């Protein structure tokens, strides 16, 4: 879980110096819907690491609000990547899960 934290830690002086009440410095972490809701993916370490990103984001948001910084997380749903190739096999995957993977670049809800 160090990897998403290290850049924030290393850039904290610069972030604090540039943040202002009307224009705060911003940190945006990238998580996953797998860290928010049980998806039954059997990707235990992946889900745990994404849940950790979400909690780290919340903790940082509380700690860094005073020096004029905002900390948020983007929590995307499934999308076609090499990691989700096996999930797009329509013969072996729950249709409800398949429905969450956009195939034409569209936006799909996380369910």
Protein backbone atom coordinates (compact mmCIF):
# COMPACT_ATOMS: atom_id res chain seq x y z
CA UNK A 1 0.00 0.00 0.00
CA UNK A 2 3.03 2.27 -0.04
CA UNK A 3 2.93 3.01 -3.75
CA UNK A 4 -0.07 5.41 -3.83
CA UNK A 5 1.07 7.09 -0.61
CA UNK A 6 4.70 7.78 -1.53
CA UNK A 7 4.00 10.42 -4.22
CA UNK A 8 1.74 12.32 -1.81
CA UNK A 9 4.32 12.16 0.95
CA UNK A 10 7.13 13.25 -1.36
CA UNK A 11 5.16 16.16 -2.85
CA UNK A 12 3.49 17.32 0.37
CA UNK A 13 5.65 20.47 0.75
CA UNK A 14 4.86 21.54 -2.83
CA UNK A 15 1.18 20.74 -2.44
CA UNK A 16 0.98 22.71 0.80
CA UNK A 17 2.77 25.67 -0.79
CA UNK A 18 0.42 25.85 -3.77
CA UNK A 19 -2.93 25.27 -2.06
CA UNK A 20 -5.12 28.28 -1.34
CA UNK A 21 -8.58 28.54 0.26
CA UNK A 22 -10.19 29.42 -3.09
CA UNK A 23 -8.00 27.05 -5.13
CA UNK A 24 -6.80 24.07 -3.07
CA UNK A 25 -4.06 21.71 -4.16
CA UNK A 26 -5.55 18.44 -5.34
CA UNK A 27 -4.65 14.79 -4.93
CA UNK A 28 -6.61 12.23 -6.93
CA UNK A 29 -6.14 8.55 -6.17
CA UNK A 30 -7.38 5.78 -8.45
CA UNK A 31 -9.26 2.93 -6.81
CA UNK A 32 -11.76 0.40 -8.12
CA UNK A 33 -15.35 -0.62 -7.54
CA UNK A 34 -13.85 -3.93 -6.37
CA UNK A 35 -12.65 -2.09 -3.25
CA UNK A 36 -16.11 -0.77 -2.42
CA UNK A 37 -18.56 -3.59 -3.02
CA UNK A 38 -18.18 -7.36 -3.02
CA UNK A 39 -17.85 -8.45 -6.64
CA UNK A 40 -17.04 -12.16 -6.14
CA UNK A 41 -13.99 -11.97 -8.39
CA UNK A 42 -11.69 -14.13 -6.30
CA UNK A 43 -9.13 -11.35 -6.62
CA UNK A 44 -8.61 -11.00 -2.89
CA UNK A 45 -5.39 -9.00 -2.83
CA UNK A 46 -6.65 -6.71 -5.60
CA UNK A 47 -9.90 -5.97 -3.75
CA UNK A 48 -8.05 -5.44 -0.48
CA UNK A 49 -5.56 -3.05 -2.05
CA UNK A 50 -8.34 -1.02 -3.68
CA UNK A 51 -10.25 -0.85 -0.39
CA UNK A 52 -7.02 0.41 1.20
CA UNK A 53 -6.74 3.15 -1.44
CA UNK A 54 -10.27 4.24 -0.57
CA UNK A 55 -9.55 4.40 3.17
CA UNK A 56 -6.19 6.10 2.67
CA UNK A 57 -7.96 8.72 0.56
CA UNK A 58 -10.47 9.38 3.34
CA UNK A 59 -7.75 9.68 5.97
CA UNK A 60 -5.63 11.98 3.82
CA UNK A 61 -8.67 14.13 2.99
CA UNK A 62 -9.27 14.73 6.68
CA UNK A 63 -5.63 15.38 7.50
CA UNK A 64 -4.86 17.62 4.54
CA UNK A 65 -7.99 19.78 4.46
CA UNK A 66 -6.44 22.37 6.77
CA UNK A 67 -3.42 23.14 4.58
CA UNK A 68 -5.83 23.79 1.66
CA UNK A 69 -5.69 20.44 -0.09
CA UNK A 70 -8.43 18.20 -1.36
CA UNK A 71 -7.97 14.46 -1.66
CA UNK A 72 -10.41 12.42 -3.71
CA UNK A 73 -10.52 9.01 -5.36
CA UNK A 74 -11.81 8.01 -8.75
CA UNK A 75 -13.54 4.65 -8.36
CA UNK A 76 -14.08 3.20 -11.84
CA UNK A 77 -16.21 0.18 -12.58
CA UNK A 78 -15.10 -2.61 -14.87
CA UNK A 79 -13.74 -1.81 -18.29
CA UNK A 80 -12.05 -3.90 -20.93
CA UNK A 81 -8.38 -4.46 -20.13
CA UNK A 82 -6.05 -7.44 -20.19
CA UNK A 83 -6.89 -7.97 -16.52
CA UNK A 84 -10.62 -8.35 -17.29
CA UNK A 85 -10.29 -10.49 -20.42
CA UNK A 86 -11.33 -13.64 -18.56
CA UNK A 87 -14.44 -11.84 -17.29
CA UNK A 88 -15.69 -11.22 -20.80
CA UNK A 89 -16.08 -14.91 -21.59
CA UNK A 90 -19.84 -14.96 -21.79
CA UNK A 91 -20.04 -18.72 -21.23
CA UNK A 92 -18.42 -18.69 -17.78
CA UNK A 93 -19.21 -15.31 -16.20
CA UNK A 94 -22.32 -14.09 -14.42
CA UNK A 95 -24.36 -12.00 -16.92
CA UNK A 96 -24.91 -9.31 -14.26
CA UNK A 97 -21.14 -8.86 -13.99
CA UNK A 98 -20.73 -8.82 -17.78
CA UNK A 99 -23.35 -6.07 -17.99
CA UNK A 100 -21.03 -3.81 -15.98
CA UNK A 101 -18.24 -3.93 -18.60
CA UNK A 102 -18.74 -1.38 -21.37
CA UNK A 103 -17.88 -2.82 -24.78
CA UNK A 104 -18.32 0.31 -26.86
CA UNK A 105 -16.63 2.94 -24.70
CA UNK A 106 -19.92 3.80 -23.01
CA UNK A 107 -20.53 4.46 -19.35
CA UNK A 108 -21.99 1.69 -17.21
CA UNK A 109 -23.05 1.85 -13.57
CA UNK A 110 -21.17 -0.09 -10.91
CA UNK A 111 -24.28 -1.89 -9.72
